[in-house]
Amino acid sequence: MNFKFLFPTFRNRYCFVQSRLRQLGATGSFENGLNLGTGEGDYDRMIAGYCRHLTGCDINADDIAHARALNRDVPNLQYETANALELHHPDASFDLLVSCEVLEHVGQPAQMIREIARVLRPGGHAILTFPSQEFPFTYDPVNRIWQVIRKSSDREFLISQGAYAFGHDYLIPSAAFKSWAADAGLEIVEFSGLSGYLVGLLEMYWTGLVQRIFKKNAQNLRADTVGALKIRPGSTREPALVFITDFLLALDRTIFTWGKRSVGKGVVLRKNA
C-alpha cells in the first residue's frame, strides 16, 4: 500500500485532482491525457481511468522506471522521460493535462505554463497543484517570519525546511501564477487553497525531515539521489487508516474556512478556443 495517503497534504492534493476529474468528465471521457511530472506514478492509475490514453512523463528516469513497474497492469498508460520546459509533443496534443507539485522545481515556472498551453487543445483542461508562497504561519513559522523581515534581502527563505523542504528553492506566488496563466492564454476556472492552518501545524517541519531520511530522490532532482532507506511506494492502494487523514482534512476545512493562507494551491485551467 502507499503510505503517502496518510500525509494530509498529499491526500488533499490527490483528492483535489480526483474530484475535479469527476467534475470534468466521466470515465474515459478524455481522449489523450498527460501527467506532467508523474514522479513515482502515484496518481497515474486514477487519472488513467478518465482517459482513453494517458502518458506519464518525468525528467527523472529512475522515477519513470519505478512508475512503469508500479502501474504495469494499466493498459492505456505509457511512460516517457521528458523535460517540462521543452516537451517534444506537437501543439494541441492533449485535451487533459495534470501536473502536481512540479511548477516549483523547474526553475522557469512561466515557461512551463507556456508549454502546458502549447500542448493543450483548445477547450482542453489542465489541473495543477503547487506549494503556495502564502503559506500559514503554523506550517513554517521560521520562514514565515523571514518573509516579513526579508525586504532588504533577495533570499526567499531562511532554512531549507518547512515550506522550503522537498527541494523547494522557491514557492509560487498567487498573483504571479495568475499572470503567467493569462499571458499563456489559459483561463482560470478554479483557484483554491489546499490545506490550512491545522494541516500546516500537523505537518510542521517533521515531514520534510522524514522525506529526507527515508525517501529515494528526497529532493526531487533530475538525477536520482538516495535517502537513507531508499523507500518507494510498492502499491497505489490506500491504507485502511486513511479515514483518519480524511477526518483531519474535513476538520481543517471546517475550522479554518476564514483563512486566506494555505500550504498549497489547486488550480483548474482551460485553454481558450
C-alpha atoms as a PDB file:
ATOM      1  CA  MET A   1       0.000   0.000   0.000  1.00  0.00           C
ATOM      2  CA  ASN A   2       1.018   3.636  -0.395  1.00  0.00           C
ATOM      3  CA  PHE A   3       1.549   5.339   2.956  1.00  0.00           C
ATOM      4  CA  LYS A   4       1.753   8.773   1.299  1.00  0.00           C
ATOM      5  CA  PHE A   5      -2.053   8.817   1.571  1.00  0.00           C
ATOM      6  CA  LEU A   6      -1.693   9.197   5.343  1.00  0.00           C
ATOM      7  CA  PHE A   7       0.009  12.580   4.894  1.00  0.00           C
ATOM      8  CA  PRO A   8      -2.747  15.236   4.849  1.00  0.00           C
ATOM      9  CA  THR A   9      -1.124  17.477   2.235  1.00  0.00           C
ATOM     10  CA  PHE A  10      -0.572  14.573  -0.186  1.00  0.00           C
ATOM     11  CA  ARG A  11      -4.057  13.202   0.416  1.00  0.00           C
ATOM     12  CA  ASN A  12      -5.588  16.637  -0.122  1.00  0.00           C
ATOM     13  CA  ARG A  13      -3.825  17.109  -3.462  1.00  0.00           C
ATOM     14  CA  TYR A  14      -4.825  13.643  -4.642  1.00  0.00           C
ATOM     15  CA  CYS A  15      -8.475  14.173  -3.690  1.00  0.00           C
ATOM     16  CA  PHE A  16      -8.489  17.574  -5.394  1.00  0.00           C
ATOM     17  CA  VAL A  17      -7.316  16.075  -8.687  1.00  0.00           C
ATOM     18  CA  GLN A  18      -9.714  13.149  -8.410  1.00  0.00           C
ATOM     19  CA  SER A  19     -12.752  15.300  -7.628  1.00  0.00           C
ATOM     20  CA  ARG A  20     -12.022  17.761 -10.454  1.00  0.00           C
ATOM     21  CA  LEU A  21     -11.631  14.927 -12.929  1.00  0.00           C
ATOM     22  CA  ARG A  22     -15.056  13.668 -11.861  1.00  0.00           C
ATOM     23  CA  GLN A  23     -16.500  17.135 -12.410  1.00  0.00           C
ATOM     24  CA  LEU A  24     -14.929  17.499 -15.856  1.00  0.00           C
ATOM     25  CA  GLY A  25     -15.982  14.159 -17.296  1.00  0.00           C
ATOM     26  CA  ALA A  26     -16.995  10.557 -16.883  1.00  0.00           C
ATOM     27  CA  THR A  27     -14.721   7.531 -17.093  1.00  0.00           C
ATOM     28  CA  GLY A  28     -12.760   7.543 -20.348  1.00  0.00           C
ATOM     29  CA  SER A  29     -14.084  10.930 -21.410  1.00  0.00           C
ATOM     30  CA  PHE A  30     -10.660  12.391 -22.269  1.00  0.00           C
ATOM     31  CA  GLU A  31      -9.090  11.154 -25.476  1.00  0.00           C
ATOM     32  CA  ASN A  32      -5.456  11.918 -24.687  1.00  0.00           C
ATOM     33  CA  GLY A  33      -4.070  12.883 -21.272  1.00  0.00           C
ATOM     34  CA  LEU A  34      -0.645  13.838 -19.934  1.00  0.00           C
ATOM     35  CA  ASN A  35       0.592  13.625 -16.359  1.00  0.00           C
ATOM     36  CA  LEU A  36       3.429  16.130 -16.455  1.00  0.00           C
ATOM     37  CA  GLY A  37       5.913  15.295 -13.706  1.00  0.00           C
ATOM     38  CA  THR A  38       4.459  11.931 -12.810  1.00  0.00           C
ATOM     39  CA  GLY A  39       7.158  11.162 -10.230  1.00  0.00           C
ATOM     40  CA  GLU A  40       6.726   7.696  -8.760  1.00  0.00           C
ATOM     41  CA  GLY A  41       3.385   7.145 -10.511  1.00  0.00           C
ATOM     42  CA  ASP A  42       1.096   7.651  -7.506  1.00  0.00           C
ATOM     43  CA  TYR A  43      -1.669   9.395  -9.495  1.00  0.00           C
ATOM     44  CA  ASP A  44      -1.466   7.598 -12.828  1.00  0.00           C
ATOM     45  CA  ARG A  45      -3.771   4.662 -12.195  1.00  0.00           C
ATOM     46  CA  MET A  46      -6.513   7.025 -11.044  1.00  0.00           C
ATOM     47  CA  ILE A  47      -6.020   9.538 -13.887  1.00  0.00           C
ATOM     48  CA  ALA A  48      -5.900   6.761 -16.490  1.00  0.00           C
ATOM     49  CA  GLY A  49      -9.458   5.835 -15.549  1.00  0.00           C
ATOM     50  CA  TYR A  50     -10.645   9.118 -17.076  1.00  0.00           C
ATOM     51  CA  CYS A  51      -8.591   8.832 -20.291  1.00  0.00           C
ATOM     52  CA  ARG A  52      -8.628   6.618 -23.336  1.00  0.00           C
ATOM     53  CA  HIS A  53      -4.865   7.069 -23.370  1.00  0.00           C
ATOM     54  CA  LEU A  54      -2.559   8.570 -20.718  1.00  0.00           C
ATOM     55  CA  THR A  55       1.129   9.464 -20.939  1.00  0.00           C
ATOM     56  CA  GLY A  56       3.117   9.875 -17.746  1.00  0.00           C
ATOM     57  CA  CYS A  57       6.342  11.829 -18.102  1.00  0.00           C
ATOM     58  CA  ASP A  58       9.097  12.997 -15.782  1.00  0.00           C
ATOM     59  CA  ILE A  59      12.649  14.274 -16.093  1.00  0.00           C
ATOM     60  CA  ASN A  60      13.920  11.627 -13.651  1.00  0.00           C
ATOM     61  CA  ALA A  61      14.469   8.322 -15.454  1.00  0.00           C
ATOM     62  CA  ASP A  62      14.614   6.303 -12.219  1.00  0.00           C
ATOM     63  CA  ASP A  63      11.229   7.658 -11.149  1.00  0.00           C
ATOM     64  CA  ILE A  64       9.817   6.723 -14.546  1.00  0.00           C
ATOM     65  CA  ALA A  65      11.186   3.182 -14.233  1.00  0.00           C
ATOM     66  CA  HIS A  66       9.518   2.801 -10.838  1.00  0.00           C
ATOM     67  CA  ALA A  67       6.204   4.269 -12.055  1.00  0.00           C
ATOM     68  CA  ARG A  68       6.200   1.916 -15.047  1.00  0.00           C
ATOM     69  CA  ALA A  69       6.678  -1.107 -12.775  1.00  0.00           C
ATOM     70  CA  LEU A  70       4.112   0.139 -10.246  1.00  0.00           C
ATOM     71  CA  ASN A  71       1.400   0.564 -12.919  1.00  0.00           C
ATOM     72  CA  ARG A  72       2.421  -2.154 -15.353  1.00  0.00           C
ATOM     73  CA  ASP A  73      -1.103  -3.598 -15.408  1.00  0.00           C
ATOM     74  CA  VAL A  74      -2.752  -0.346 -16.586  1.00  0.00           C
ATOM     75  CA  PRO A  75      -3.273  -0.957 -20.330  1.00  0.00           C
ATOM     76  CA  ASN A  76      -3.916   2.608 -21.510  1.00  0.00           C
ATOM     77  CA  LEU A  77      -0.837   4.092 -19.797  1.00  0.00           C
ATOM     78  CA  GLN A  78       2.625   4.705 -21.231  1.00  0.00           C
ATOM     79  CA  TYR A  79       5.691   6.440 -19.803  1.00  0.00           C
ATOM     80  CA  GLU A  80       8.466   8.592 -21.171  1.00  0.00           C
ATOM     81  CA  THR A  81      11.280  10.808 -19.925  1.00  0.00           C
ATOM     82  CA  ALA A  82      10.669  14.464 -20.717  1.00  0.00           C
ATOM     83  CA  ASN A  83      11.559  17.990 -19.647  1.00  0.00           C
ATOM     84  CA  ALA A  84       8.557  20.100 -18.620  1.00  0.00           C
ATOM     85  CA  LEU A  85      10.198  23.183 -20.143  1.00  0.00           C
ATOM     86  CA  GLU A  86      10.751  21.581 -23.559  1.00  0.00           C
ATOM     87  CA  LEU A  87       8.073  18.999 -24.261  1.00  0.00           C
ATOM     88  CA  HIS A  88       8.586  17.151 -27.546  1.00  0.00           C
ATOM     89  CA  HIS A  89       4.856  16.766 -28.179  1.00  0.00           C
ATOM     90  CA  PRO A  90       3.271  18.712 -31.052  1.00  0.00           C
ATOM     91  CA  ASP A  91       0.961  21.639 -30.402  1.00  0.00           C
ATOM     92  CA  ALA A  92      -2.573  20.761 -29.229  1.00  0.00           C
ATOM     93  CA  SER A  93      -1.713  17.125 -28.399  1.00  0.00           C
ATOM     94  CA  PHE A  94      -3.774  16.701 -25.225  1.00  0.00           C
ATOM     95  CA  ASP A  95      -7.272  17.505 -24.025  1.00  0.00           C
ATOM     96  CA  LEU A  96      -6.253  16.852 -20.395  1.00  0.00           C
ATOM     97  CA  LEU A  97      -3.050  17.682 -18.533  1.00  0.00           C
ATOM     98  CA  VAL A  98      -2.370  17.046 -14.841  1.00  0.00           C
ATOM     99  CA  SER A  99       0.704  18.330 -13.031  1.00  0.00           C
ATOM    100  CA  CYS A 100       1.133  18.003  -9.269  1.00  0.00           C
ATOM    101  CA  GLU A 101       3.944  19.691  -7.325  1.00  0.00           C
ATOM    102  CA  VAL A 102       6.142  20.282 -10.368  1.00  0.00           C
ATOM    103  CA  LEU A 103       5.981  24.024 -11.032  1.00  0.00           C
ATOM    104  CA  GLU A 104       8.196  24.781  -8.028  1.00  0.00           C
ATOM    105  CA  HIS A 105      11.042  22.563  -9.305  1.00  0.00           C
ATOM    106  CA  VAL A 106      11.553  23.590 -12.927  1.00  0.00           C
ATOM    107  CA  GLY A 107      13.376  26.903 -12.405  1.00  0.00           C
ATOM    108  CA  GLN A 108      11.293  28.692 -15.062  1.00  0.00           C
ATOM    109  CA  PRO A 109       7.660  28.291 -13.991  1.00  0.00           C
ATOM    110  CA  ALA A 110       6.328  30.790 -16.532  1.00  0.00           C
ATOM    111  CA  GLN A 111       7.929  28.771 -19.339  1.00  0.00           C
ATOM    112  CA  MET A 112       6.310  25.590 -18.022  1.00  0.00           C
ATOM    113  CA  ILE A 113       2.903  27.284 -18.110  1.00  0.00           C
ATOM    114  CA  ARG A 114       3.545  28.307 -21.720  1.00  0.00           C
ATOM    115  CA  GLU A 115       4.411  24.696 -22.583  1.00  0.00           C
ATOM    116  CA  ILE A 116       1.209  23.497 -20.916  1.00  0.00           C
ATOM    117  CA  ALA A 117      -0.779  25.957 -23.023  1.00  0.00           C
ATOM    118  CA  ARG A 118       1.048  24.908 -26.174  1.00  0.00           C
ATOM    119  CA  VAL A 119       0.352  21.167 -25.862  1.00  0.00           C
ATOM    120  CA  LEU A 120      -3.269  21.598 -24.726  1.00  0.00           C
ATOM    121  CA  ARG A 121      -6.000  21.506 -27.336  1.00  0.00           C
ATOM    122  CA  PRO A 122      -8.397  24.480 -27.492  1.00  0.00           C
ATOM    123  CA  GLY A 123     -11.033  23.832 -24.862  1.00  0.00           C
ATOM    124  CA  GLY A 124      -8.726  21.373 -23.070  1.00  0.00           C
ATOM    125  CA  HIS A 125      -8.239  21.429 -19.296  1.00  0.00           C
ATOM    126  CA  ALA A 126      -5.208  21.397 -17.013  1.00  0.00           C
ATOM    127  CA  ILE A 127      -5.321  20.503 -13.306  1.00  0.00           C
ATOM    128  CA  LEU A 128      -2.347  21.720 -11.280  1.00  0.00           C
ATOM    129  CA  THR A 129      -1.246  21.767  -7.668  1.00  0.00           C
ATOM    130  CA  PHE A 130       1.748  23.621  -6.284  1.00  0.00           C
ATOM    131  CA  PRO A 131       3.087  24.931  -2.938  1.00  0.00           C
ATOM    132  CA  SER A 132       1.914  28.419  -2.104  1.00  0.00           C
ATOM    133  CA  GLN A 133       4.196  31.292  -1.176  1.00  0.00           C
ATOM    134  CA  GLU A 134       1.293  32.466   1.007  1.00  0.00           C
ATOM    135  CA  PHE A 135       1.536  29.553   3.445  1.00  0.00           C
ATOM    136  CA  PRO A 136       0.140  29.669   7.021  1.00  0.00           C
ATOM    137  CA  PHE A 137       2.316  30.604   9.975  1.00  0.00           C
ATOM    138  CA  THR A 138       1.607  27.244  11.611  1.00  0.00           C
ATOM    139  CA  TYR A 139       3.296  25.374   8.757  1.00  0.00           C
ATOM    140  CA  ASP A 140       6.655  27.144   8.830  1.00  0.00           C
ATOM    141  CA  PRO A 141       6.963  29.946  11.409  1.00  0.00           C
ATOM    142  CA  VAL A 142      10.697  30.474  10.828  1.00  0.00           C
ATOM    143  CA  ASN A 143      10.420  31.155   7.090  1.00  0.00           C
ATOM    144  CA  ARG A 144       7.081  32.943   7.513  1.00  0.00           C
ATOM    145  CA  ILE A 145       8.739  35.474   9.828  1.00  0.00           C
ATOM    146  CA  TRP A 146      11.609  35.713   7.354  1.00  0.00           C
ATOM    147  CA  GLN A 147       9.134  36.594   4.611  1.00  0.00           C
ATOM    148  CA  VAL A 148       8.068  39.584   6.684  1.00  0.00           C
ATOM    149  CA  ILE A 149      11.544  40.876   7.530  1.00  0.00           C
ATOM    150  CA  ARG A 150      13.456  39.995   4.347  1.00  0.00           C
ATOM    151  CA  LYS A 151      12.540  43.174   2.473  1.00  0.00           C
ATOM    152  CA  SER A 152      16.207  44.150   2.327  1.00  0.00           C
ATOM    153  CA  SER A 153      17.301  40.648   1.225  1.00  0.00           C
ATOM    154  CA  ASP A 154      16.944  38.760  -2.039  1.00  0.00           C
ATOM    155  CA  ARG A 155      16.876  35.380  -0.315  1.00  0.00           C
ATOM    156  CA  GLU A 156      13.383  33.913  -0.256  1.00  0.00           C
ATOM    157  CA  PHE A 157      13.844  31.522   2.678  1.00  0.00           C
ATOM    158  CA  LEU A 158      15.994  31.228   5.775  1.00  0.00           C
ATOM    159  CA  ILE A 159      16.050  27.458   6.334  1.00  0.00           C
ATOM    160  CA  SER A 160      15.557  24.602   3.872  1.00  0.00           C
ATOM    161  CA  GLN A 161      12.775  23.045   5.917  1.00  0.00           C
ATOM    162  CA  GLY A 162       9.051  23.560   6.366  1.00  0.00           C
ATOM    163  CA  ALA A 163       7.630  25.120   3.235  1.00  0.00           C
ATOM    164  CA  TYR A 164      11.104  25.023   1.666  1.00  0.00           C
ATOM    165  CA  ALA A 165      11.795  21.351   2.255  1.00  0.00           C
ATOM    166  CA  PHE A 166      11.315  18.794  -0.571  1.00  0.00           C
ATOM    167  CA  GLY A 167      13.868  20.525  -2.802  1.00  0.00           C
ATOM    168  CA  HIS A 168      11.906  23.794  -2.979  1.00  0.00           C
ATOM    169  CA  ASP A 169      14.180  26.714  -3.880  1.00  0.00           C
ATOM    170  CA  TYR A 170      11.140  28.921  -4.398  1.00  0.00           C
ATOM    171  CA  LEU A 171       7.372  28.831  -3.899  1.00  0.00           C
ATOM    172  CA  ILE A 172       4.643  30.064  -6.234  1.00  0.00           C
ATOM    173  CA  PRO A 173       3.045  33.480  -5.591  1.00  0.00           C
ATOM    174  CA  SER A 174      -0.651  33.509  -6.454  1.00  0.00           C
ATOM    175  CA  ALA A 175      -0.512  36.819  -8.322  1.00  0.00           C
ATOM    176  CA  ALA A 176       2.426  35.678 -10.438  1.00  0.00           C
ATOM    177  CA  PHE A 177       0.724  32.404 -11.346  1.00  0.00           C
ATOM    178  CA  LYS A 178      -2.435  34.178 -12.460  1.00  0.00           C
ATOM    179  CA  SER A 179      -0.335  36.477 -14.626  1.00  0.00           C
ATOM    180  CA  TRP A 180       1.538  33.550 -16.221  1.00  0.00           C
ATOM    181  CA  ALA A 181      -1.724  31.773 -16.995  1.00  0.00           C
ATOM    182  CA  ALA A 182      -3.299  34.852 -18.561  1.00  0.00           C
ATOM    183  CA  ASP A 183      -0.201  35.535 -20.673  1.00  0.00           C
ATOM    184  CA  ALA A 184      -0.282  31.945 -21.957  1.00  0.00           C
ATOM    185  CA  GLY A 185      -3.956  32.168 -22.949  1.00  0.00           C
ATOM    186  CA  LEU A 186      -5.231  29.951 -20.150  1.00  0.00           C
ATOM    187  CA  GLU A 187      -8.460  30.757 -18.332  1.00  0.00           C
ATOM    188  CA  ILE A 188      -8.543  30.077 -14.595  1.00  0.00           C
ATOM    189  CA  VAL A 189     -11.655  28.019 -13.899  1.00  0.00           C
ATOM    190  CA  GLU A 190     -10.793  27.410 -10.241  1.00  0.00           C
ATOM    191  CA  PHE A 191      -8.086  28.667  -7.900  1.00  0.00           C
ATOM    192  CA  SER A 192      -8.394  27.089  -4.438  1.00  0.00           C
ATOM    193  CA  GLY A 193      -6.302  26.861  -1.297  1.00  0.00           C
ATOM    194  CA  LEU A 194      -5.300  23.347  -0.247  1.00  0.00           C
ATOM    195  CA  SER A 195      -4.534  22.583   3.422  1.00  0.00           C
ATOM    196  CA  GLY A 196      -4.881  25.327   6.009  1.00  0.00           C
ATOM    197  CA  TYR A 197      -3.664  26.136   9.485  1.00  0.00           C
ATOM    198  CA  LEU A 198      -4.465  22.783  11.124  1.00  0.00           C
ATOM    199  CA  VAL A 199      -2.798  20.687   8.436  1.00  0.00           C
ATOM    200  CA  GLY A 200       0.139  23.097   8.486  1.00  0.00           C
ATOM    201  CA  LEU A 201       0.510  22.566  12.230  1.00  0.00           C
ATOM    202  CA  LEU A 202       0.262  18.776  11.879  1.00  0.00           C
ATOM    203  CA  GLU A 203       2.994  18.680   9.230  1.00  0.00           C
ATOM    204  CA  MET A 204       5.258  21.461  10.520  1.00  0.00           C
ATOM    205  CA  TYR A 205       8.920  20.598   9.787  1.00  0.00           C
ATOM    206  CA  TRP A 206       8.859  16.864  10.535  1.00  0.00           C
ATOM    207  CA  THR A 207       7.525  15.803   7.118  1.00  0.00           C
ATOM    208  CA  GLY A 208      10.483  17.364   5.314  1.00  0.00           C
ATOM    209  CA  LEU A 209      12.898  15.621   7.661  1.00  0.00           C
ATOM    210  CA  VAL A 210      11.135  12.268   7.241  1.00  0.00           C
ATOM    211  CA  GLN A 211      11.282  12.567   3.451  1.00  0.00           C
ATOM    212  CA  ARG A 212      14.991  13.446   3.542  1.00  0.00           C
ATOM    213  CA  ILE A 213      15.737  10.382   5.684  1.00  0.00           C
ATOM    214  CA  PHE A 214      13.505   7.747   4.122  1.00  0.00           C
ATOM    215  CA  LYS A 215      12.573   8.667   0.546  1.00  0.00           C
ATOM    216  CA  LYS A 216      14.641   7.904  -2.502  1.00  0.00           C
ATOM    217  CA  ASN A 217      15.248  11.087  -4.516  1.00  0.00           C
ATOM    218  CA  ALA A 218      14.092  13.087  -1.487  1.00  0.00           C
ATOM    219  CA  GLN A 219      14.926  16.431  -3.097  1.00  0.00           C
ATOM    220  CA  ASN A 220      13.031  15.717  -6.335  1.00  0.00           C
ATOM    221  CA  LEU A 221      16.041  16.292  -8.551  1.00  0.00           C
ATOM    222  CA  ARG A 222      16.731  15.470 -12.190  1.00  0.00           C
ATOM    223  CA  ALA A 223      19.279  12.816 -11.202  1.00  0.00           C
ATOM    224  CA  ASP A 224      18.279  10.280  -8.581  1.00  0.00           C
ATOM    225  CA  THR A 225      19.527  10.835  -5.047  1.00  0.00           C
ATOM    226  CA  VAL A 226      19.353   8.300  -2.279  1.00  0.00           C
ATOM    227  CA  GLY A 227      17.611   8.620   1.052  1.00  0.00           C
ATOM    228  CA  ALA A 228      18.963   6.513   3.892  1.00  0.00           C
ATOM    229  CA  LEU A 229      16.401   3.737   3.436  1.00  0.00           C
ATOM    230  CA  LYS A 230      15.614   4.223  -0.294  1.00  0.00           C
ATOM    231  CA  ILE A 231      11.884   3.746   0.249  1.00  0.00           C
ATOM    232  CA  ARG A 232       9.465   3.860  -2.692  1.00  0.00           C
ATOM    233  CA  PRO A 233       5.740   3.014  -2.710  1.00  0.00           C
ATOM    234  CA  GLY A 234       5.079  -0.611  -3.592  1.00  0.00           C
ATOM    235  CA  SER A 235       1.413  -0.121  -4.430  1.00  0.00           C
ATOM    236  CA  THR A 236      -1.183   2.523  -5.233  1.00  0.00           C
ATOM    237  CA  ARG A 237      -3.636   1.099  -2.664  1.00  0.00           C
ATOM    238  CA  GLU A 238      -4.831   3.387   0.120  1.00  0.00           C
ATOM    239  CA  PRO A 239      -4.083   2.298   3.715  1.00  0.00           C
ATOM    240  CA  ALA A 240      -7.068   1.355   5.879  1.00  0.00           C
ATOM    241  CA  LEU A 241      -6.285   4.230   8.253  1.00  0.00           C
ATOM    242  CA  VAL A 242      -6.755   6.858   5.538  1.00  0.00           C
ATOM    243  CA  PHE A 243     -10.139   7.686   7.097  1.00  0.00           C
ATOM    244  CA  ILE A 244      -8.225   9.428   9.903  1.00  0.00           C
ATOM    245  CA  THR A 245      -6.477  11.656   7.375  1.00  0.00           C
ATOM    246  CA  ASP A 246      -9.799  12.426   5.697  1.00  0.00           C
ATOM    247  CA  PHE A 247     -11.287  13.400   9.066  1.00  0.00           C
ATOM    248  CA  LEU A 248      -8.388  15.780   9.758  1.00  0.00           C
ATOM    249  CA  LEU A 249      -8.787  17.372   6.324  1.00  0.00           C
ATOM    250  CA  ALA A 250     -12.511  17.858   6.888  1.00  0.00           C
ATOM    251  CA  LEU A 251     -11.778  19.412  10.284  1.00  0.00           C
ATOM    252  CA  ASP A 252      -9.216  21.738   8.734  1.00  0.00           C
ATOM    253  CA  ARG A 253     -11.691  22.886   6.079  1.00  0.00           C
ATOM    254  CA  THR A 254     -14.459  23.389   8.653  1.00  0.00           C
ATOM    255  CA  ILE A 255     -12.479  25.326  11.248  1.00  0.00           C
ATOM    256  CA  PHE A 256     -10.284  27.421   9.002  1.00  0.00           C
ATOM    257  CA  THR A 257     -12.608  28.426   6.184  1.00  0.00           C
ATOM    258  CA  TRP A 258     -11.812  32.041   7.103  1.00  0.00           C
ATOM    259  CA  GLY A 259      -8.084  31.635   6.481  1.00  0.00           C
ATOM    260  CA  LYS A 260      -6.654  33.185   3.330  1.00  0.00           C
ATOM    261  CA  ARG A 261      -3.366  31.285   3.578  1.00  0.00           C
ATOM    262  CA  SER A 262      -2.812  27.678   2.536  1.00  0.00           C
ATOM    263  CA  VAL A 263       0.042  25.219   2.249  1.00  0.00           C
ATOM    264  CA  GLY A 264      -0.701  24.712  -1.434  1.00  0.00           C
ATOM    265  CA  LYS A 265      -2.980  25.687  -4.293  1.00  0.00           C
ATOM    266  CA  GLY A 266      -5.228  23.599  -6.503  1.00  0.00           C
ATOM    267  CA  VAL A 267      -5.981  25.073  -9.921  1.00  0.00           C
ATOM    268  CA  VAL A 268      -8.140  24.149 -12.903  1.00  0.00           C
ATOM    269  CA  LEU A 269      -7.282  25.862 -16.202  1.00  0.00           C
ATOM    270  CA  ARG A 270      -8.956  25.842 -19.591  1.00  0.00           C
ATOM    271  CA  LYS A 271      -7.280  26.747 -22.854  1.00  0.00           C
ATOM    272  CA  ASN A 272      -9.175  29.383 -24.754  1.00  0.00           C
ATOM    273  CA  ALA A 273     -10.512  28.321 -28.135  1.00  0.00           C
END
